[in-house]
């Protein structure tokens, strides 16, 4: 299994976590942030026609 960045699929992870999940992402600017947020997803390979089912 390979790890693929969700960003490479075009997901705006900052917007998704803040708008949909209510979690603010913190970025370190010269120091460590107060907490880390890990974002994972399971993707399944299906033909496009079966996605509507």
N, C-alpha and C. Protein backbone atom coordinates (compact mmCIF):
# COMPACT_ATOMS: atom_id res chain seq x y z
N UNK A 1 0.84 -1.17 0.00
CA UNK A 1 0.00 0.00 0.00
C UNK A 1 0.89 1.24 0.00
N UNK A 2 0.55 2.19 -0.83
CA UNK A 2 1.33 3.42 -0.92
C UNK A 2 0.61 4.55 -0.22
N UNK A 3 1.38 5.43 0.36
CA UNK A 3 0.81 6.63 0.94
C UNK A 3 0.78 7.72 -0.11
N UNK A 4 -0.38 8.24 -0.41
CA UNK A 4 -0.54 9.29 -1.41
C UNK A 4 -1.11 10.51 -0.70
N UNK A 5 -0.54 11.66 -0.95
CA UNK A 5 -1.01 12.89 -0.34
C UNK A 5 -2.39 13.25 -0.86
N UNK A 6 -3.31 13.59 0.06
CA UNK A 6 -4.65 14.02 -0.35
C UNK A 6 -4.58 15.34 -1.13
N UNK A 7 -3.57 16.15 -0.85
CA UNK A 7 -3.39 17.40 -1.60
C UNK A 7 -3.20 17.13 -3.09
N UNK A 8 -2.56 16.00 -3.42
CA UNK A 8 -2.28 15.70 -4.82
C UNK A 8 -3.56 15.41 -5.60
N UNK A 9 -4.66 15.10 -4.91
CA UNK A 9 -5.95 14.91 -5.56
C UNK A 9 -6.72 16.22 -5.67
N UNK A 10 -6.18 17.30 -5.12
CA UNK A 10 -6.83 18.60 -5.21
C UNK A 10 -7.69 18.95 -4.01
N UNK A 11 -7.63 18.16 -2.94
CA UNK A 11 -8.39 18.47 -1.73
C UNK A 11 -7.78 19.68 -1.03
N UNK A 12 -8.60 20.61 -0.63
CA UNK A 12 -8.16 21.75 0.18
C UNK A 12 -8.36 21.33 1.63
N UNK A 13 -7.34 20.75 2.22
CA UNK A 13 -7.46 20.17 3.55
C UNK A 13 -7.74 21.22 4.62
N UNK A 14 -7.21 22.42 4.47
CA UNK A 14 -7.48 23.48 5.44
C UNK A 14 -8.97 23.82 5.44
N UNK A 15 -9.55 23.99 4.26
CA UNK A 15 -10.98 24.32 4.17
C UNK A 15 -11.85 23.18 4.68
N UNK A 16 -11.51 21.95 4.31
CA UNK A 16 -12.31 20.80 4.75
C UNK A 16 -12.31 20.67 6.26
N UNK A 17 -11.13 20.74 6.87
CA UNK A 17 -11.07 20.55 8.32
C UNK A 17 -11.73 21.70 9.07
N UNK A 18 -11.58 22.92 8.58
CA UNK A 18 -12.17 24.06 9.29
C UNK A 18 -13.67 24.18 9.05
N UNK A 19 -14.11 24.06 7.80
CA UNK A 19 -15.53 24.27 7.48
C UNK A 19 -16.40 23.06 7.80
N UNK A 20 -15.92 21.87 7.52
CA UNK A 20 -16.74 20.66 7.69
C UNK A 20 -16.56 19.99 9.05
N UNK A 21 -15.35 20.07 9.60
CA UNK A 21 -15.08 19.36 10.86
C UNK A 21 -14.93 20.29 12.06
N UNK A 22 -14.80 21.60 11.80
CA UNK A 22 -14.65 22.55 12.90
C UNK A 22 -13.30 22.47 13.59
N UNK A 23 -12.28 22.00 12.87
CA UNK A 23 -10.93 21.88 13.44
C UNK A 23 -10.02 22.88 12.72
N UNK A 24 -9.41 23.77 13.47
CA UNK A 24 -8.49 24.74 12.88
C UNK A 24 -7.10 24.12 12.79
N UNK A 25 -6.53 24.14 11.59
CA UNK A 25 -5.16 23.65 11.42
C UNK A 25 -4.19 24.72 11.89
N UNK A 26 -3.20 24.31 12.64
CA UNK A 26 -2.17 25.23 13.12
C UNK A 26 -0.88 24.95 12.37
N UNK A 27 -0.20 26.01 11.98
CA UNK A 27 1.06 25.90 11.26
C UNK A 27 2.16 26.49 12.11
N UNK A 28 3.30 25.82 12.17
CA UNK A 28 4.44 26.33 12.93
C UNK A 28 5.17 27.40 12.15
N UNK A 29 5.34 28.55 12.74
CA UNK A 29 6.10 29.65 12.12
C UNK A 29 7.28 29.96 13.03
N UNK A 30 8.35 29.18 12.88
CA UNK A 30 9.53 29.38 13.70
C UNK A 30 9.45 28.69 15.06
N UNK A 31 8.29 28.05 15.34
CA UNK A 31 8.15 27.31 16.59
C UNK A 31 7.10 26.22 16.38
N UNK A 32 7.01 25.31 17.33
CA UNK A 32 6.05 24.22 17.22
C UNK A 32 4.64 24.73 17.49
N UNK A 33 3.65 24.21 16.74
CA UNK A 33 2.26 24.59 17.03
C UNK A 33 1.80 23.97 18.34
N UNK A 34 0.69 24.45 18.87
CA UNK A 34 0.15 23.95 20.14
C UNK A 34 -0.29 22.49 20.01
N UNK A 35 -0.72 22.06 18.81
CA UNK A 35 -1.13 20.67 18.59
C UNK A 35 -0.94 20.33 17.11
N UNK A 36 -0.94 19.04 16.83
CA UNK A 36 -0.83 18.54 15.47
C UNK A 36 -2.16 17.93 15.06
N UNK A 37 -2.51 18.05 13.80
CA UNK A 37 -3.71 17.42 13.26
C UNK A 37 -3.28 16.50 12.12
N UNK A 38 -3.64 15.24 12.23
CA UNK A 38 -3.35 14.27 11.17
C UNK A 38 -4.63 13.98 10.40
N UNK A 39 -4.54 14.02 9.09
CA UNK A 39 -5.72 13.80 8.25
C UNK A 39 -5.44 12.59 7.37
N UNK A 40 -6.32 11.61 7.45
CA UNK A 40 -6.18 10.38 6.67
C UNK A 40 -7.49 10.09 5.96
N UNK A 41 -7.40 9.30 4.91
CA UNK A 41 -8.60 8.87 4.20
C UNK A 41 -8.34 7.49 3.61
N UNK A 42 -9.39 6.74 3.46
CA UNK A 42 -9.33 5.47 2.75
C UNK A 42 -10.01 5.67 1.41
N UNK A 43 -9.28 5.40 0.36
CA UNK A 43 -9.83 5.57 -0.98
C UNK A 43 -10.03 4.20 -1.60
N UNK A 44 -11.11 4.05 -2.36
CA UNK A 44 -11.43 2.79 -2.99
C UNK A 44 -11.48 2.99 -4.49
N UNK A 45 -10.85 2.11 -5.21
CA UNK A 45 -10.84 2.20 -6.66
C UNK A 45 -12.09 1.52 -7.22
N UNK A 46 -12.99 2.29 -7.83
CA UNK A 46 -14.22 1.79 -8.43
C UNK A 46 -14.39 2.43 -9.80
N UNK A 47 -15.03 1.74 -10.70
CA UNK A 47 -15.37 2.38 -11.97
C UNK A 47 -16.34 3.54 -11.74
N UNK A 48 -16.27 4.57 -12.52
CA UNK A 48 -17.09 5.77 -12.34
C UNK A 48 -18.58 5.46 -12.35
N UNK A 49 -19.03 4.49 -13.18
CA UNK A 49 -20.44 4.16 -13.27
C UNK A 49 -20.98 3.61 -11.95
N UNK A 50 -20.17 2.90 -11.19
CA UNK A 50 -20.65 2.30 -9.94
C UNK A 50 -20.64 3.29 -8.78
N UNK A 51 -20.07 4.46 -8.96
CA UNK A 51 -20.00 5.45 -7.90
C UNK A 51 -21.39 5.97 -7.52
N UNK A 52 -22.33 5.97 -8.44
CA UNK A 52 -23.67 6.50 -8.18
C UNK A 52 -24.53 5.53 -7.38
N UNK A 53 -24.11 4.28 -7.30
CA UNK A 53 -24.91 3.26 -6.59
C UNK A 53 -24.86 3.44 -5.10
